[in-house]
């Protein structure tokens, strides 16, 4: 079954101490959906998904808060926009 094959791949192909893994690679807030009733989280929009360092998605998610991607920002990030500990 597909489930058995995924289990085998996890067990035999990717070692537990691997530094790389399948990553979303575009984990901005708009790609994280939270169900209002259940609180279940679903990631969407995987067209950039692929192999990357395991911590890339976490770091990139917070980096997205800094902006710099709009034409009006001209590539200049504002790291003061990071969420505060109280926000989290």
C-alpha atoms as a PDB file:
ATOM      1  CA  UNK A   1       0.000   0.000   0.000  1.00  0.00           C
ATOM      2  CA  UNK A   2       1.009   3.638  -0.276  1.00  0.00           C
ATOM      3  CA  UNK A   3       1.159   3.894   3.501  1.00  0.00           C
ATOM      4  CA  UNK A   4       3.538   0.910   3.691  1.00  0.00           C
ATOM      5  CA  UNK A   5       5.751   2.432   0.993  1.00  0.00           C
ATOM      6  CA  UNK A   6       5.917   5.772   2.823  1.00  0.00           C
ATOM      7  CA  UNK A   7       6.820   3.960   6.030  1.00  0.00           C
ATOM      8  CA  UNK A   8       9.580   2.079   4.201  1.00  0.00           C
ATOM      9  CA  UNK A   9      10.935   5.282   2.666  1.00  0.00           C
ATOM     10  CA  UNK A  10      10.990   7.005   6.041  1.00  0.00           C
ATOM     11  CA  UNK A  11      12.699   4.047   7.670  1.00  0.00           C
ATOM     12  CA  UNK A  12      15.200   3.053   4.981  1.00  0.00           C
ATOM     13  CA  UNK A  13      15.884   6.033   2.711  1.00  0.00           C
ATOM     14  CA  UNK A  14      16.141   9.111   4.935  1.00  0.00           C
ATOM     15  CA  UNK A  15      18.349   8.596   7.975  1.00  0.00           C
ATOM     16  CA  UNK A  16      17.139  10.103  11.278  1.00  0.00           C
ATOM     17  CA  UNK A  17      20.183  12.372  11.475  1.00  0.00           C
ATOM     18  CA  UNK A  18      19.739  13.749   7.943  1.00  0.00           C
ATOM     19  CA  UNK A  19      20.407  17.461   7.611  1.00  0.00           C
ATOM     20  CA  UNK A  20      18.069  17.764   4.650  1.00  0.00           C
ATOM     21  CA  UNK A  21      14.428  16.843   4.156  1.00  0.00           C
ATOM     22  CA  UNK A  22      11.447  17.617   1.976  1.00  0.00           C
ATOM     23  CA  UNK A  23      10.535  21.244   2.678  1.00  0.00           C
ATOM     24  CA  UNK A  24       7.652  23.469   1.662  1.00  0.00           C
ATOM     25  CA  UNK A  25      10.106  26.297   0.769  1.00  0.00           C
ATOM     26  CA  UNK A  26       7.388  29.018   0.721  1.00  0.00           C
ATOM     27  CA  UNK A  27       5.920  28.921   4.205  1.00  0.00           C
ATOM     28  CA  UNK A  28       4.558  32.435   4.431  1.00  0.00           C
ATOM     29  CA  UNK A  29       1.427  33.016   6.503  1.00  0.00           C
ATOM     30  CA  UNK A  30      -0.873  32.924   3.459  1.00  0.00           C
ATOM     31  CA  UNK A  31       0.150  29.293   2.858  1.00  0.00           C
ATOM     32  CA  UNK A  32      -0.837  28.148   6.359  1.00  0.00           C
ATOM     33  CA  UNK A  33      -4.539  27.453   6.795  1.00  0.00           C
ATOM     34  CA  UNK A  34      -6.055  26.967  10.264  1.00  0.00           C
ATOM     35  CA  UNK A  35      -9.538  25.465  10.516  1.00  0.00           C
ATOM     36  CA  UNK A  36     -11.693  27.795  12.624  1.00  0.00           C
ATOM     37  CA  UNK A  37     -13.630  25.072  14.416  1.00  0.00           C
ATOM     38  CA  UNK A  38     -11.042  22.352  14.961  1.00  0.00           C
ATOM     39  CA  UNK A  39      -7.766  24.290  14.973  1.00  0.00           C
ATOM     40  CA  UNK A  40      -6.322  21.780  12.482  1.00  0.00           C
ATOM     41  CA  UNK A  41      -3.457  23.225  10.445  1.00  0.00           C
ATOM     42  CA  UNK A  42      -3.028  22.565   6.728  1.00  0.00           C
ATOM     43  CA  UNK A  43      -0.207  23.751   4.496  1.00  0.00           C
ATOM     44  CA  UNK A  44      -1.085  24.699   0.913  1.00  0.00           C
ATOM     45  CA  UNK A  45       0.734  25.800  -2.248  1.00  0.00           C
ATOM     46  CA  UNK A  46       3.609  23.321  -2.627  1.00  0.00           C
ATOM     47  CA  UNK A  47       4.950  24.370  -6.033  1.00  0.00           C
ATOM     48  CA  UNK A  48       8.321  25.334  -4.486  1.00  0.00           C
ATOM     49  CA  UNK A  49       8.482  22.155  -2.377  1.00  0.00           C
ATOM     50  CA  UNK A  50      11.683  20.147  -2.549  1.00  0.00           C
ATOM     51  CA  UNK A  51      14.828  19.115  -0.693  1.00  0.00           C
ATOM     52  CA  UNK A  52      16.339  21.718   1.605  1.00  0.00           C
ATOM     53  CA  UNK A  53      17.914  22.005   5.042  1.00  0.00           C
ATOM     54  CA  UNK A  54      15.453  20.772   7.691  1.00  0.00           C
ATOM     55  CA  UNK A  55      15.282  24.101   9.499  1.00  0.00           C
ATOM     56  CA  UNK A  56      14.739  26.160   6.327  1.00  0.00           C
ATOM     57  CA  UNK A  57      10.933  26.320   6.599  1.00  0.00           C
ATOM     58  CA  UNK A  58      11.017  27.534  10.203  1.00  0.00           C
ATOM     59  CA  UNK A  59      13.622  30.211   9.465  1.00  0.00           C
ATOM     60  CA  UNK A  60      11.927  31.299   6.237  1.00  0.00           C
ATOM     61  CA  UNK A  61       8.503  31.541   7.897  1.00  0.00           C
ATOM     62  CA  UNK A  62       9.810  34.101  10.380  1.00  0.00           C
ATOM     63  CA  UNK A  63      11.904  35.860   7.755  1.00  0.00           C
ATOM     64  CA  UNK A  64       8.691  36.471   5.770  1.00  0.00           C
ATOM     65  CA  UNK A  65       7.529  38.772   8.594  1.00  0.00           C
ATOM     66  CA  UNK A  66      10.365  41.161   7.703  1.00  0.00           C
ATOM     67  CA  UNK A  67       8.900  41.887   4.286  1.00  0.00           C
ATOM     68  CA  UNK A  68      11.051  43.329   1.546  1.00  0.00           C
ATOM     69  CA  UNK A  69       9.241  41.437  -1.191  1.00  0.00           C
ATOM     70  CA  UNK A  70       6.885  44.177  -2.431  1.00  0.00           C
ATOM     71  CA  UNK A  71       7.991  46.599  -5.131  1.00  0.00           C
ATOM     72  CA  UNK A  72       7.339  49.478  -2.721  1.00  0.00           C
ATOM     73  CA  UNK A  73       9.830  47.975  -0.245  1.00  0.00           C
ATOM     74  CA  UNK A  74      12.505  47.651  -2.954  1.00  0.00           C
ATOM     75  CA  UNK A  75      13.986  44.547  -1.336  1.00  0.00           C
ATOM     76  CA  UNK A  76      14.567  46.250   2.016  1.00  0.00           C
ATOM     77  CA  UNK A  77      13.562  44.097   4.978  1.00  0.00           C
ATOM     78  CA  UNK A  78      12.323  45.462   8.313  1.00  0.00           C
ATOM     79  CA  UNK A  79      13.326  42.927  10.954  1.00  0.00           C
ATOM     80  CA  UNK A  80      11.458  44.995  13.549  1.00  0.00           C
ATOM     81  CA  UNK A  81       8.320  43.365  12.119  1.00  0.00           C
ATOM     82  CA  UNK A  82       9.229  39.983  13.629  1.00  0.00           C
ATOM     83  CA  UNK A  83       6.506  38.732  15.964  1.00  0.00           C
ATOM     84  CA  UNK A  84       7.147  39.414  19.639  1.00  0.00           C
ATOM     85  CA  UNK A  85       7.208  36.599  22.205  1.00  0.00           C
ATOM     86  CA  UNK A  86       3.782  37.853  23.352  1.00  0.00           C
ATOM     87  CA  UNK A  87       2.400  37.447  19.797  1.00  0.00           C
ATOM     88  CA  UNK A  88       3.398  33.809  19.632  1.00  0.00           C
END
